[in-house]
């Protein structure tokens, strides 16, 4: 398994998504780091 194979596998998770991969990764990081519900944000 080379680098291109691992990139292809990881890109499948983001295929057809509205946002860029980097934006999704940052958003998930914040979601996991801070215990906020949608109700608390409003």
PDB file of N, CA and C in Angstrom:
ATOM      1  N   UNK A   1       0.848  -1.174   0.000  1.00  0.00           N
ATOM      2  CA  UNK A   1       0.000   0.000   0.000  1.00  0.00           C
ATOM      3  C   UNK A   1       0.894   1.237   0.000  1.00  0.00           C
ATOM      4  N   UNK A   2       0.788   2.043  -1.021  1.00  0.00           N
ATOM      5  CA  UNK A   2       1.596   3.258  -1.083  1.00  0.00           C
ATOM      6  C   UNK A   2       0.760   4.481  -0.714  1.00  0.00           C
ATOM      7  N   UNK A   3       1.388   5.645  -0.779  1.00  0.00           N
ATOM      8  CA  UNK A   3       0.726   6.883  -0.346  1.00  0.00           C
ATOM      9  C   UNK A   3      -0.531   7.167  -1.169  1.00  0.00           C
ATOM     10  N   UNK A   4      -0.490   6.917  -2.458  1.00  0.00           N
ATOM     11  CA  UNK A   4      -1.649   7.186  -3.307  1.00  0.00           C
ATOM     12  C   UNK A   4      -2.835   6.313  -2.932  1.00  0.00           C
ATOM     13  N   UNK A   5      -2.574   5.070  -2.550  1.00  0.00           N
ATOM     14  CA  UNK A   5      -3.659   4.187  -2.130  1.00  0.00           C
ATOM     15  C   UNK A   5      -4.337   4.716  -0.877  1.00  0.00           C
ATOM     16  N   UNK A   6      -3.557   5.172   0.089  1.00  0.00           N
ATOM     17  CA  UNK A   6      -4.144   5.682   1.328  1.00  0.00           C
ATOM     18  C   UNK A   6      -4.904   6.977   1.077  1.00  0.00           C
ATOM     19  N   UNK A   7      -4.431   7.819   0.158  1.00  0.00           N
ATOM     20  CA  UNK A   7      -5.153   9.048  -0.178  1.00  0.00           C
ATOM     21  C   UNK A   7      -6.471   8.718  -0.854  1.00  0.00           C
ATOM     22  N   UNK A   8      -6.487   7.714  -1.731  1.00  0.00           N
ATOM     23  CA  UNK A   8      -7.724   7.315  -2.394  1.00  0.00           C
ATOM     24  C   UNK A   8      -8.744   6.815  -1.382  1.00  0.00           C
ATOM     25  N   UNK A   9      -8.297   6.046  -0.407  1.00  0.00           N
ATOM     26  CA  UNK A   9      -9.198   5.519   0.615  1.00  0.00           C
ATOM     27  C   UNK A   9      -9.765   6.651   1.458  1.00  0.00           C
ATOM     28  N   UNK A  10      -8.921   7.585   1.888  1.00  0.00           N
ATOM     29  CA  UNK A  10      -9.400   8.684   2.723  1.00  0.00           C
ATOM     30  C   UNK A  10     -10.290   9.632   1.937  1.00  0.00           C
ATOM     31  N   UNK A  11     -10.048   9.818   0.672  1.00  0.00           N
ATOM     32  CA  UNK A  11     -10.867  10.718  -0.134  1.00  0.00           C
ATOM     33  C   UNK A  11     -12.262  10.147  -0.360  1.00  0.00           C
ATOM     34  N   UNK A  12     -12.431   8.831  -0.292  1.00  0.00           N
ATOM     35  CA  UNK A  12     -13.751   8.240  -0.464  1.00  0.00           C
ATOM     36  C   UNK A  12     -14.711   8.705   0.618  1.00  0.00           C
ATOM     37  N   UNK A  13     -14.210   9.017   1.806  1.00  0.00           N
ATOM     38  CA  UNK A  13     -15.065   9.490   2.885  1.00  0.00           C
ATOM     39  C   UNK A  13     -15.616  10.878   2.589  1.00  0.00           C
ATOM     40  N   UNK A  14     -14.944  11.643   1.750  1.00  0.00           N
ATOM     41  CA  UNK A  14     -15.320  13.023   1.473  1.00  0.00           C
ATOM     42  C   UNK A  14     -15.941  13.190   0.086  1.00  0.00           C
ATOM     43  N   UNK A  15     -16.089  12.119  -0.649  1.00  0.00           N
ATOM     44  CA  UNK A  15     -16.605  12.198  -2.009  1.00  0.00           C
ATOM     45  C   UNK A  15     -18.054  12.670  -1.997  1.00  0.00           C
ATOM     46  N   UNK A  16     -18.361  13.668  -2.797  1.00  0.00           N
ATOM     47  CA  UNK A  16     -19.718  14.181  -2.909  1.00  0.00           C
ATOM     48  C   UNK A  16     -20.117  15.126  -1.794  1.00  0.00           C
ATOM     49  N   UNK A  17     -19.172  15.532  -0.981  1.00  0.00           N
ATOM     50  CA  UNK A  17     -19.481  16.437   0.128  1.00  0.00           C
ATOM     51  C   UNK A  17     -19.456  17.878  -0.356  1.00  0.00           C
ATOM     52  N   UNK A  18     -20.155  18.741   0.356  1.00  0.00           N
ATOM     53  CA  UNK A  18     -20.290  20.139  -0.015  1.00  0.00           C
ATOM     54  C   UNK A  18     -19.055  20.962   0.350  1.00  0.00           C
ATOM     55  N   UNK A  19     -18.326  20.560   1.387  1.00  0.00           N
ATOM     56  CA  UNK A  19     -17.197  21.337   1.879  1.00  0.00           C
ATOM     57  C   UNK A  19     -15.887  20.631   1.570  1.00  0.00           C
ATOM     58  N   UNK A  20     -14.799  21.399   1.601  1.00  0.00           N
ATOM     59  CA  UNK A  20     -13.479  20.824   1.375  1.00  0.00           C
ATOM     60  C   UNK A  20     -13.098  19.915   2.537  1.00  0.00           C
ATOM     61  N   UNK A  21     -12.222  18.973   2.253  1.00  0.00           N
ATOM     62  CA  UNK A  21     -11.788  17.993   3.248  1.00  0.00           C
ATOM     63  C   UNK A  21     -11.222  18.665   4.497  1.00  0.00           C
ATOM     64  N   UNK A  22     -10.421  19.707   4.328  1.00  0.00           N
ATOM     65  CA  UNK A  22      -9.799  20.380   5.476  1.00  0.00           C
ATOM     66  C   UNK A  22     -10.839  21.016   6.396  1.00  0.00           C
ATOM     67  N   UNK A  23     -11.876  21.588   5.816  1.00  0.00           N
ATOM     68  CA  UNK A  23     -12.932  22.221   6.616  1.00  0.00           C
ATOM     69  C   UNK A  23     -13.671  21.170   7.436  1.00  0.00           C
ATOM     70  N   UNK A  24     -13.946  20.029   6.835  1.00  0.00           N
ATOM     71  CA  UNK A  24     -14.643  18.947   7.539  1.00  0.00           C
ATOM     72  C   UNK A  24     -13.790  18.435   8.696  1.00  0.00           C
ATOM     73  N   UNK A  25     -12.498  18.262   8.469  1.00  0.00           N
ATOM     74  CA  UNK A  25     -11.608  17.745   9.512  1.00  0.00           C
ATOM     75  C   UNK A  25     -11.537  18.708  10.691  1.00  0.00           C
ATOM     76  N   UNK A  26     -11.443  20.014  10.420  1.00  0.00           N
ATOM     77  CA  UNK A  26     -11.401  21.006  11.501  1.00  0.00           C
ATOM     78  C   UNK A  26     -12.722  21.010  12.266  1.00  0.00           C
ATOM     79  N   UNK A  27     -13.837  20.962  11.555  1.00  0.00           N
ATOM     80  CA  UNK A  27     -15.147  20.969  12.212  1.00  0.00           C
ATOM     81  C   UNK A  27     -15.331  19.741  13.096  1.00  0.00           C
ATOM     82  N   UNK A  28     -14.919  18.587  12.633  1.00  0.00           N
ATOM     83  CA  UNK A  28     -15.028  17.367  13.436  1.00  0.00           C
ATOM     84  C   UNK A  28     -14.119  17.461  14.654  1.00  0.00           C
ATOM     85  N   UNK A  29     -12.945  18.046  14.487  1.00  0.00           N
ATOM     86  CA  UNK A  29     -12.039  18.237  15.621  1.00  0.00           C
ATOM     87  C   UNK A  29     -12.659  19.096  16.707  1.00  0.00           C
ATOM     88  N   UNK A  30     -13.292  20.211  16.307  1.00  0.00           N
ATOM     89  CA  UNK A  30     -13.979  21.062  17.287  1.00  0.00           C
ATOM     90  C   UNK A  30     -15.148  20.326  17.931  1.00  0.00           C
ATOM     91  N   UNK A  31     -15.873  19.559  17.130  1.00  0.00           N
ATOM     92  CA  UNK A  31     -17.020  18.811  17.651  1.00  0.00           C
ATOM     93  C   UNK A  31     -16.576  17.821  18.728  1.00  0.00           C
ATOM     94  N   UNK A  32     -15.465  17.151  18.489  1.00  0.00           N
ATOM     95  CA  UNK A  32     -14.977  16.170  19.454  1.00  0.00           C
ATOM     96  C   UNK A  32     -14.322  16.822  20.668  1.00  0.00           C
ATOM     97  N   UNK A  33     -13.738  17.995  20.482  1.00  0.00           N
ATOM     98  CA  UNK A  33     -13.015  18.656  21.569  1.00  0.00           C
ATOM     99  C   UNK A  33     -13.945  19.346  22.560  1.00  0.00           C
ATOM    100  N   UNK A  34     -14.988  19.984  22.049  1.00  0.00           N
ATOM    101  CA  UNK A  34     -15.896  20.751  22.902  1.00  0.00           C
ATOM    102  C   UNK A  34     -17.255  20.073  22.934  1.00  0.00           C
ATOM    103  N   UNK A  35     -17.784  19.908  24.114  1.00  0.00           N
ATOM    104  CA  UNK A  35     -19.057  19.221  24.287  1.00  0.00           C
ATOM    105  C   UNK A  35     -20.197  20.236  24.187  1.00  0.00           C
ATOM    106  N   UNK A  36     -20.510  20.643  22.967  1.00  0.00           N
ATOM    107  CA  UNK A  36     -21.576  21.610  22.737  1.00  0.00           C
ATOM    108  C   UNK A  36     -22.727  20.950  22.003  1.00  0.00           C
ATOM    109  N   UNK A  37     -23.913  21.239  22.448  1.00  0.00           N
ATOM    110  CA  UNK A  37     -25.076  20.802  21.697  1.00  0.00           C
ATOM    111  C   UNK A  37     -25.570  21.973  20.856  1.00  0.00           C
ATOM    112  N   UNK A  38     -26.412  21.696  19.902  1.00  0.00           N
ATOM    113  CA  UNK A  38     -26.959  22.749  19.054  1.00  0.00           C
ATOM    114  C   UNK A  38     -27.750  23.750  19.890  1.00  0.00           C
ATOM    115  N   UNK A  39     -28.408  23.271  20.910  1.00  0.00           N
ATOM    116  CA  UNK A  39     -29.198  24.120  21.802  1.00  0.00           C
ATOM    117  C   UNK A  39     -28.322  25.152  22.520  1.00  0.00           C
ATOM    118  N   UNK A  40     -27.115  24.775  22.921  1.00  0.00           N
ATOM    119  CA  UNK A  40     -26.212  25.677  23.635  1.00  0.00           C
ATOM    120  C   UNK A  40     -25.640  26.768  22.729  1.00  0.00           C
ATOM    121  N   UNK A  41     -25.581  26.517  21.447  1.00  0.00           N
ATOM    122  CA  UNK A  41     -25.012  27.478  20.506  1.00  0.00           C
ATOM    123  C   UNK A  41     -25.999  28.594  20.196  1.00  0.00           C
ATOM    124  N   UNK A  42     -27.274  28.302  20.181  1.00  0.00           N
ATOM    125  CA  UNK A  42     -28.288  29.298  19.812  1.00  0.00           C
ATOM    126  C   UNK A  42     -28.397  30.400  20.789  1.00  0.00           C
TER     127      UNK A  42
END
